[in-house]
Amino acid sequence: EEPAAEVTAAPVAEESEPEDNTIPAEEAERILVVYFSSANTTDPDVVSGATPRVDYTGATVLLAQYIHEQIGGDIAPITVVEDYPEDYDATADQAKEEQDNDARPAFTLEVDPAEYDTIFVGYPIWWYRLPMIMNTFFEAYDFSGKTIIPFNPHAGSRDGGTYSVIAELEPNAAVLDGLAVAGENVEDAETDVATWLASLGY
């Protein structure tokens, strides 16, 4: 009987560590999507509506959801301390009164926008202007060195010049051209949102 052949194992090359292409957490862009709508109520049973609406969801809310779904990051509502009326006309009247009185409605927000690099900011156009609560918002935080990207539904006035207003309110931030979508088109605007985000590099 022949002796069994001697088998010598071939040397095994040391496996190189896989290249880590991930961006360190401290260097990754921190993105926040914040949005104001009269639908952002402290009472979850209340359905209010001073903005164009889609199936009882505020149009601003829906745009914010589209953006968040496509780019990730965090998302948070800007919620008024005192709810707006449920009736559209009553809310519109209150919004006009706030403008006439240069009011600063109080709000709550569960995150600190100053901790983010890029802040997408959504709001409806009320009487061709920013809702006064947005003045409260921009006065509440230091956006120096941040990138602000606005978005809004509208009923014909597009952005109403509000992007320029935000740039004036935040001279030390980079305020990019935003996205304005007619309220009746918001439900079908997901592709438009994607195209806009791609133009911004997302």
Protein backbone atom coordinates (compact mmCIF):
# COMPACT_ATOMS: atom_id res chain seq x y z
CA GLU A 1 0.00 0.00 0.00
CA GLU A 2 1.37 3.34 -1.01
CA PRO A 3 1.86 5.85 1.74
CA ALA A 4 -0.57 8.73 1.70
CA ALA A 5 0.72 11.74 -0.13
CA GLU A 6 1.90 14.52 2.11
CA VAL A 7 -0.22 17.56 1.75
CA THR A 8 1.33 20.91 2.54
CA ALA A 9 -1.09 23.76 3.07
CA ALA A 10 -0.36 26.78 0.95
CA PRO A 11 0.39 29.92 2.93
CA VAL A 12 -2.69 32.02 3.42
CA ALA A 13 -2.29 35.64 2.52
CA GLU A 14 -3.37 38.02 5.21
CA GLU A 15 -6.65 39.65 4.33
CA SER A 16 -6.42 43.38 4.04
CA GLU A 17 -8.87 45.43 6.02
CA PRO A 18 -11.75 46.63 3.83
CA GLU A 19 -11.49 50.28 2.97
CA ASP A 20 -13.82 52.37 5.10
CA ASN A 21 -15.49 54.94 2.88
CA THR A 22 -18.00 56.10 5.43
CA ILE A 23 -17.94 59.72 6.49
CA PRO A 24 -17.22 60.17 10.19
CA ALA A 25 -20.37 61.14 12.06
CA GLU A 26 -18.85 64.42 13.15
CA GLU A 27 -18.20 65.35 9.49
CA ALA A 28 -21.47 64.16 7.91
CA GLU A 29 -23.96 66.84 6.93
CA ARG A 30 -26.61 67.19 9.60
CA ILE A 31 -29.98 67.84 7.98
CA LEU A 32 -33.21 69.00 9.58
CA VAL A 33 -36.62 69.45 7.98
CA VAL A 34 -38.83 71.78 10.02
CA TYR A 35 -42.24 72.97 8.98
CA PHE A 36 -45.07 75.15 10.17
CA SER A 37 -48.70 74.48 9.35
CA SER A 38 -51.87 75.37 11.18
CA ALA A 39 -52.37 71.60 11.08
CA ASN A 40 -49.53 71.39 13.63
CA THR A 41 -51.81 71.51 16.62
CA THR A 42 -51.28 70.80 20.28
CA ASP A 43 -54.57 68.89 20.16
CA PRO A 44 -54.21 65.76 17.99
CA ASP A 45 -57.99 65.53 17.62
CA VAL A 46 -58.27 68.96 16.02
CA VAL A 47 -58.22 69.29 12.25
CA SER A 48 -57.52 72.89 11.30
CA GLY A 49 -56.66 74.38 7.95
CA ALA A 50 -55.37 77.75 6.86
CA THR A 51 -53.27 76.14 4.14
CA PRO A 52 -54.31 74.15 1.08
CA ARG A 53 -55.04 70.66 2.31
CA VAL A 54 -54.64 67.15 1.00
CA ASP A 55 -56.89 64.57 2.68
CA TYR A 56 -56.79 66.46 6.00
CA THR A 57 -53.01 66.66 5.92
CA GLY A 58 -51.61 70.17 5.60
CA ALA A 59 -49.95 70.72 2.24
CA THR A 60 -46.84 72.02 4.01
CA VAL A 61 -46.76 68.84 6.06
CA LEU A 62 -46.93 66.69 2.94
CA LEU A 63 -44.08 68.58 1.25
CA ALA A 64 -41.99 68.16 4.40
CA GLN A 65 -42.68 64.44 4.38
CA TYR A 66 -41.62 64.13 0.72
CA ILE A 67 -38.34 65.91 1.46
CA HIS A 68 -37.62 63.87 4.56
CA GLU A 69 -38.37 60.57 2.82
CA GLN A 70 -35.92 61.41 0.04
CA ILE A 71 -32.98 62.86 1.97
CA GLY A 72 -33.33 61.50 5.50
CA GLY A 73 -32.08 63.55 8.42
CA ASP A 74 -34.48 64.65 11.14
CA ILE A 75 -37.95 66.14 10.82
CA ALA A 76 -39.91 68.22 13.32
CA PRO A 77 -43.04 70.40 13.33
CA ILE A 78 -43.11 74.01 14.48
CA THR A 79 -46.19 73.90 16.70
CA VAL A 80 -48.09 76.94 17.91
CA VAL A 81 -48.66 77.24 21.64
CA GLU A 82 -52.22 78.42 21.02
CA ASP A 83 -53.99 76.52 18.25
CA TYR A 84 -55.49 78.30 15.28
CA PRO A 85 -59.25 77.99 14.70
CA GLU A 86 -60.52 74.98 12.79
CA ASP A 87 -62.39 77.20 10.31
CA TYR A 88 -60.32 78.39 7.34
CA ASP A 89 -61.76 81.92 7.27
CA ALA A 90 -61.29 82.36 11.01
CA THR A 91 -57.67 81.29 10.74
CA ALA A 92 -57.13 83.64 7.80
CA ASP A 93 -58.61 86.49 9.85
CA GLN A 94 -56.30 85.67 12.75
CA ALA A 95 -53.30 85.55 10.42
CA LYS A 96 -54.17 89.02 9.06
CA GLU A 97 -54.56 90.38 12.59
CA GLU A 98 -51.15 88.98 13.53
CA GLN A 99 -49.60 90.73 10.54
CA ASP A 100 -51.31 94.03 11.32
CA ASN A 101 -50.04 93.87 14.92
CA ASP A 102 -46.55 92.62 13.99
CA ALA A 103 -47.25 89.75 16.39
CA ARG A 104 -44.80 87.03 17.41
CA PRO A 105 -46.86 83.92 18.10
CA ALA A 106 -45.15 81.48 20.47
CA PHE A 107 -44.20 78.02 19.28
CA THR A 108 -42.68 74.77 20.47
CA LEU A 109 -40.02 72.74 18.66
CA GLU A 110 -38.55 69.49 19.94
CA VAL A 111 -35.11 69.99 18.37
CA ASP A 112 -32.53 72.78 18.26
CA PRO A 113 -31.99 73.85 14.63
CA ALA A 114 -28.64 75.38 15.61
CA GLU A 115 -27.28 71.83 15.96
CA TYR A 116 -27.75 71.17 12.22
CA ASP A 117 -25.81 72.24 9.14
CA THR A 118 -28.69 72.40 6.67
CA ILE A 119 -32.23 73.33 7.64
CA PHE A 120 -35.12 72.88 5.23
CA VAL A 121 -37.84 75.28 6.40
CA GLY A 122 -41.46 74.89 5.29
CA TYR A 123 -44.44 77.21 5.74
CA PRO A 124 -47.59 78.33 3.91
CA ILE A 125 -47.96 81.78 2.37
CA TRP A 126 -50.42 83.82 4.42
CA TRP A 127 -51.65 87.08 2.94
CA TYR A 128 -48.70 87.07 0.51
CA ARG A 129 -46.20 86.94 3.38
CA LEU A 130 -44.49 84.67 5.88
CA PRO A 131 -46.77 83.62 8.73
CA MET A 132 -45.76 85.78 11.70
CA ILE A 133 -44.77 82.69 13.67
CA MET A 134 -41.90 82.29 11.21
CA ASN A 135 -40.55 85.64 12.36
CA THR A 136 -40.63 84.24 15.88
CA PHE A 137 -38.78 81.17 14.62
CA PHE A 138 -36.00 83.04 12.82
CA GLU A 139 -35.52 85.39 15.76
CA ALA A 140 -35.24 82.48 18.19
CA TYR A 141 -32.11 80.79 16.78
CA ASP A 142 -28.66 81.69 15.53
CA PHE A 143 -28.38 80.44 11.95
CA SER A 144 -24.95 81.93 11.29
CA GLY A 145 -22.96 79.65 9.02
CA LYS A 146 -25.96 77.42 8.33
CA THR A 147 -27.69 76.67 5.04
CA ILE A 148 -31.42 77.43 4.97
CA ILE A 149 -33.56 75.94 2.21
CA PRO A 150 -37.19 77.13 2.20
CA PHE A 151 -40.21 75.40 0.70
CA ASN A 152 -43.88 76.30 0.63
CA PRO A 153 -47.30 75.57 -0.83
CA HIS A 154 -49.21 78.53 -2.19
CA ALA A 155 -52.53 79.56 -3.71
CA GLY A 156 -51.09 81.55 -6.61
CA SER A 157 -48.43 83.79 -5.10
CA ARG A 158 -45.58 81.26 -5.40
CA ASP A 159 -43.00 82.16 -2.73
CA GLY A 160 -44.41 85.65 -2.25
CA GLY A 161 -40.88 87.07 -2.03
CA THR A 162 -40.40 85.21 1.24
CA TYR A 163 -37.06 83.66 0.25
CA SER A 164 -35.57 87.15 -0.03
CA VAL A 165 -37.18 88.07 3.28
CA ILE A 166 -35.56 85.07 4.97
CA ALA A 167 -32.20 86.08 3.49
CA GLU A 168 -32.66 89.53 5.03
CA LEU A 169 -33.63 88.03 8.38
CA GLU A 170 -30.63 85.68 8.29
CA PRO A 171 -27.76 87.65 6.68
CA ASN A 172 -25.12 85.30 8.12
CA ALA A 173 -26.72 82.17 6.68
CA ALA A 174 -26.73 80.84 3.13
CA VAL A 175 -30.37 81.00 2.00
CA LEU A 176 -30.95 79.00 -1.17
CA ASP A 177 -33.80 79.33 -3.65
CA GLY A 178 -36.61 77.17 -2.41
CA LEU A 179 -39.49 75.19 -3.82
CA ALA A 180 -42.98 76.68 -4.22
CA VAL A 181 -45.81 74.30 -5.13
CA ALA A 182 -49.43 75.23 -5.79
CA GLY A 183 -51.56 73.72 -3.04
CA GLU A 184 -53.76 71.77 -5.43
CA ASN A 185 -50.66 70.13 -6.93
CA VAL A 186 -48.96 69.06 -3.72
CA GLU A 187 -50.42 65.56 -3.74
CA ASP A 188 -48.67 64.87 -7.07
CA ALA A 189 -45.50 66.84 -6.32
CA GLU A 190 -43.22 64.02 -5.18
CA THR A 191 -41.38 63.93 -8.52
CA ASP A 192 -41.04 67.72 -8.53
CA VAL A 193 -39.57 67.54 -5.05
CA ALA A 194 -37.07 64.89 -6.18
CA THR A 195 -36.05 67.00 -9.19
CA TRP A 196 -35.59 70.06 -6.99
CA LEU A 197 -33.54 68.14 -4.42
CA ALA A 198 -31.35 66.74 -7.21
CA SER A 199 -30.69 70.28 -8.45
CA LEU A 200 -29.41 71.04 -4.95
CA GLY A 201 -27.13 68.03 -4.97
CA TYR A 202 -29.30 65.62 -2.98
